[in-house]
Amino acid sequence: MKYINLEDIKNIRKNDCCEFIDYPLDDKDIDGALIRINGRYPEEGKAKNTVCKELVYIADGNGKLYINDQIIDLKKDMVVLIDKNEEYVWEGNDLKLFVTCDPNWYIEQHEEIK
């Protein structure tokens, strides 16, 4: 068993529209992060993961996910699975997501496509 408390988190990343709180479980197969979105991510173009799948739980707020020529209206308590190499855009208004990735997410496999 592994666990981590919010007060032990040291890796909090922010940009103009997002806050990312990574929960480092030191596990190569799975991870977790709390992401808050106010605006659009990425700010331009689309994003994709070339290795990781993302299982996303909509914890609060509302927004839209643009993926595979679809627009999905997001609301609390929904779950979305994004497969590797799927290009996507998040738009949110105080949108709070809990995201777990398989394998563990790492920046080198994440791309923003302009």
C-alpha atoms as a PDB file:
ATOM      1  CA  MET A   1       0.000   0.000   0.000  1.00  0.00           C
ATOM      2  CA  LYS A   2       1.101   3.563  -0.747  1.00  0.00           C
ATOM      3  CA  TYR A   3      -0.470   6.871   0.186  1.00  0.00           C
ATOM      4  CA  ILE A   4       0.334  10.571   0.249  1.00  0.00           C
ATOM      5  CA  ASN A   5      -1.317  13.530   1.985  1.00  0.00           C
ATOM      6  CA  LEU A   6      -1.935  16.855   0.276  1.00  0.00           C
ATOM      7  CA  GLU A   7       0.277  18.669   2.790  1.00  0.00           C
ATOM      8  CA  ASP A   8       3.183  16.444   1.678  1.00  0.00           C
ATOM      9  CA  ILE A   9       2.884  17.482  -1.972  1.00  0.00           C
ATOM     10  CA  LYS A  10       5.759  19.592  -3.220  1.00  0.00           C
ATOM     11  CA  ASN A  11       5.248  19.452  -6.999  1.00  0.00           C
ATOM     12  CA  ILE A  12       2.526  21.977  -7.832  1.00  0.00           C
ATOM     13  CA  ARG A  13       2.733  23.371 -11.377  1.00  0.00           C
ATOM     14  CA  LYS A  14       0.728  26.363 -12.591  1.00  0.00           C
ATOM     15  CA  ASN A  15       0.178  28.214 -15.817  1.00  0.00           C
ATOM     16  CA  ASP A  16      -2.354  30.847 -16.900  1.00  0.00           C
ATOM     17  CA  CYS A  17      -5.340  28.474 -16.904  1.00  0.00           C
ATOM     18  CA  CYS A  18      -4.306  25.374 -14.938  1.00  0.00           C
ATOM     19  CA  GLU A  19      -2.998  24.164 -11.632  1.00  0.00           C
ATOM     20  CA  PHE A  20      -1.527  20.646 -11.503  1.00  0.00           C
ATOM     21  CA  ILE A  21      -1.022  18.908  -8.154  1.00  0.00           C
ATOM     22  CA  ASP A  22       0.941  15.707  -8.709  1.00  0.00           C
ATOM     23  CA  TYR A  23       0.611  12.906  -6.155  1.00  0.00           C
ATOM     24  CA  PRO A  24       3.988  11.114  -6.386  1.00  0.00           C
ATOM     25  CA  LEU A  25       3.300   7.510  -5.465  1.00  0.00           C
ATOM     26  CA  ASP A  26       6.679   6.279  -6.723  1.00  0.00           C
ATOM     27  CA  ASP A  27       4.979   3.650  -8.868  1.00  0.00           C
ATOM     28  CA  LYS A  28       5.980   3.166 -12.513  1.00  0.00           C
ATOM     29  CA  ASP A  29       2.604   1.746 -13.546  1.00  0.00           C
ATOM     30  CA  ILE A  30       0.100   4.315 -12.267  1.00  0.00           C
ATOM     31  CA  ASP A  31      -0.079   7.820 -10.845  1.00  0.00           C
ATOM     32  CA  GLY A  32      -2.569  10.484  -9.847  1.00  0.00           C
ATOM     33  CA  ALA A  33      -3.000  14.247 -10.104  1.00  0.00           C
ATOM     34  CA  LEU A  34      -5.582  16.851  -9.238  1.00  0.00           C
ATOM     35  CA  ILE A  35      -5.968  19.369 -12.067  1.00  0.00           C
ATOM     36  CA  ARG A  36      -7.947  22.611 -11.875  1.00  0.00           C
ATOM     37  CA  ILE A  37      -8.813  24.311 -15.162  1.00  0.00           C
ATOM     38  CA  ASN A  38     -10.126  27.839 -15.677  1.00  0.00           C
ATOM     39  CA  GLY A  39      -9.918  28.496 -19.383  1.00  0.00           C
ATOM     40  CA  ARG A  40      -8.451  26.378 -22.170  1.00  0.00           C
ATOM     41  CA  TYR A  41      -5.712  23.742 -22.126  1.00  0.00           C
ATOM     42  CA  PRO A  42      -3.613  23.820 -24.113  1.00  0.00           C
ATOM     43  CA  GLU A  43      -3.925  27.532 -24.763  1.00  0.00           C
ATOM     44  CA  GLU A  44      -3.423  26.884 -28.514  1.00  0.00           C
ATOM     45  CA  GLY A  45      -3.769  23.760 -30.628  1.00  0.00           C
ATOM     46  CA  LYS A  46      -4.257  20.328 -29.057  1.00  0.00           C
ATOM     47  CA  ALA A  47      -2.452  18.026 -26.637  1.00  0.00           C
ATOM     48  CA  LYS A  48      -1.755  14.298 -26.647  1.00  0.00           C
ATOM     49  CA  ASN A  49       0.132  11.647 -24.721  1.00  0.00           C
ATOM     50  CA  THR A  50       2.125   9.249 -26.866  1.00  0.00           C
ATOM     51  CA  VAL A  51       2.529   6.560 -24.176  1.00  0.00           C
ATOM     52  CA  CYS A  52       0.062   7.130 -21.330  1.00  0.00           C
ATOM     53  CA  LYS A  53      -3.663   6.568 -21.096  1.00  0.00           C
ATOM     54  CA  GLU A  54      -5.586   8.952 -18.830  1.00  0.00           C
ATOM     55  CA  LEU A  55      -8.591   8.002 -16.730  1.00  0.00           C
ATOM     56  CA  VAL A  56     -10.250  11.269 -15.714  1.00  0.00           C
ATOM     57  CA  TYR A  57     -12.871  11.735 -12.999  1.00  0.00           C
ATOM     58  CA  ILE A  58     -14.758  15.060 -13.103  1.00  0.00           C
ATOM     59  CA  ALA A  59     -14.749  16.012  -9.414  1.00  0.00           C
ATOM     60  CA  ASP A  60     -16.398  19.434  -9.722  1.00  0.00           C
ATOM     61  CA  GLY A  61     -17.200  22.283 -12.082  1.00  0.00           C
ATOM     62  CA  ASN A  62     -18.168  22.081 -15.719  1.00  0.00           C
ATOM     63  CA  GLY A  63     -16.577  22.347 -19.100  1.00  0.00           C
ATOM     64  CA  LYS A  64     -15.974  20.703 -22.437  1.00  0.00           C
ATOM     65  CA  LEU A  65     -13.586  18.119 -23.826  1.00  0.00           C
ATOM     66  CA  TYR A  66     -12.822  18.330 -27.554  1.00  0.00           C
ATOM     67  CA  ILE A  67     -11.564  14.948 -28.734  1.00  0.00           C
ATOM     68  CA  ASN A  68     -11.815  12.872 -31.936  1.00  0.00           C
ATOM     69  CA  ASP A  69     -14.043  15.441 -33.660  1.00  0.00           C
ATOM     70  CA  GLN A  70     -16.468  15.257 -30.710  1.00  0.00           C
ATOM     71  CA  ILE A  71     -17.458  17.807 -28.101  1.00  0.00           C
ATOM     72  CA  ILE A  72     -18.248  16.258 -24.733  1.00  0.00           C
ATOM     73  CA  ASP A  73     -20.063  18.366 -22.138  1.00  0.00           C
ATOM     74  CA  LEU A  74     -18.398  17.662 -18.820  1.00  0.00           C
ATOM     75  CA  LYS A  75     -20.158  17.712 -15.484  1.00  0.00           C
ATOM     76  CA  LYS A  76     -19.531  16.458 -11.979  1.00  0.00           C
ATOM     77  CA  ASP A  77     -19.171  12.687 -11.443  1.00  0.00           C
ATOM     78  CA  MET A  78     -18.440  11.827 -15.098  1.00  0.00           C
ATOM     79  CA  VAL A  79     -15.499   9.621 -16.059  1.00  0.00           C
ATOM     80  CA  VAL A  80     -13.558   9.892 -19.335  1.00  0.00           C
ATOM     81  CA  LEU A  81     -10.862   7.561 -20.680  1.00  0.00           C
ATOM     82  CA  ILE A  82      -8.382   9.174 -23.070  1.00  0.00           C
ATOM     83  CA  ASP A  83      -6.241   6.669 -24.939  1.00  0.00           C
ATOM     84  CA  LYS A  84      -2.657   7.332 -25.974  1.00  0.00           C
ATOM     85  CA  ASN A  85      -2.264   9.390 -29.174  1.00  0.00           C
ATOM     86  CA  GLU A  86      -5.770  10.865 -28.919  1.00  0.00           C
ATOM     87  CA  GLU A  87      -5.587  14.634 -29.479  1.00  0.00           C
ATOM     88  CA  TYR A  88      -7.655  16.675 -27.047  1.00  0.00           C
ATOM     89  CA  VAL A  89      -8.495  20.118 -25.663  1.00  0.00           C
ATOM     90  CA  TRP A  90      -9.950  20.876 -22.217  1.00  0.00           C
ATOM     91  CA  GLU A  91     -12.102  23.948 -21.546  1.00  0.00           C
ATOM     92  CA  GLY A  92     -13.305  24.592 -18.051  1.00  0.00           C
ATOM     93  CA  ASN A  93     -14.951  26.956 -15.656  1.00  0.00           C
ATOM     94  CA  ASP A  94     -13.562  26.022 -12.248  1.00  0.00           C
ATOM     95  CA  LEU A  95     -13.258  22.472 -13.587  1.00  0.00           C
ATOM     96  CA  LYS A  96     -11.636  20.094 -11.093  1.00  0.00           C
ATOM     97  CA  LEU A  97     -10.333  16.757 -12.429  1.00  0.00           C
ATOM     98  CA  PHE A  98      -8.695  13.796 -10.749  1.00  0.00           C
ATOM     99  CA  VAL A  99      -6.511  12.102 -13.359  1.00  0.00           C
ATOM    100  CA  THR A 100      -4.742   8.782 -13.129  1.00  0.00           C
ATOM    101  CA  CYS A 101      -2.384   7.604 -15.854  1.00  0.00           C
ATOM    102  CA  ASP A 102      -1.139   4.216 -16.979  1.00  0.00           C
ATOM    103  CA  PRO A 103       1.801   4.035 -17.158  1.00  0.00           C
ATOM    104  CA  ASN A 104       2.890   6.804 -14.811  1.00  0.00           C
ATOM    105  CA  TRP A 105       2.712  10.161 -16.671  1.00  0.00           C
ATOM    106  CA  TYR A 106       5.979  11.840 -17.666  1.00  0.00           C
ATOM    107  CA  ILE A 107       6.571  15.058 -19.588  1.00  0.00           C
ATOM    108  CA  GLU A 108       8.671  13.552 -22.399  1.00  0.00           C
ATOM    109  CA  GLN A 109       5.685  11.630 -23.785  1.00  0.00           C
ATOM    110  CA  HIS A 110       3.327  14.647 -23.666  1.00  0.00           C
ATOM    111  CA  GLU A 111       2.995  16.821 -26.766  1.00  0.00           C
ATOM    112  CA  GLU A 112       1.245  20.081 -27.488  1.00  0.00           C
ATOM    113  CA  ILE A 113       0.340  20.323 -31.180  1.00  0.00           C
ATOM    114  CA  LYS A 114       0.067  23.837 -32.581  1.00  0.00           C
END
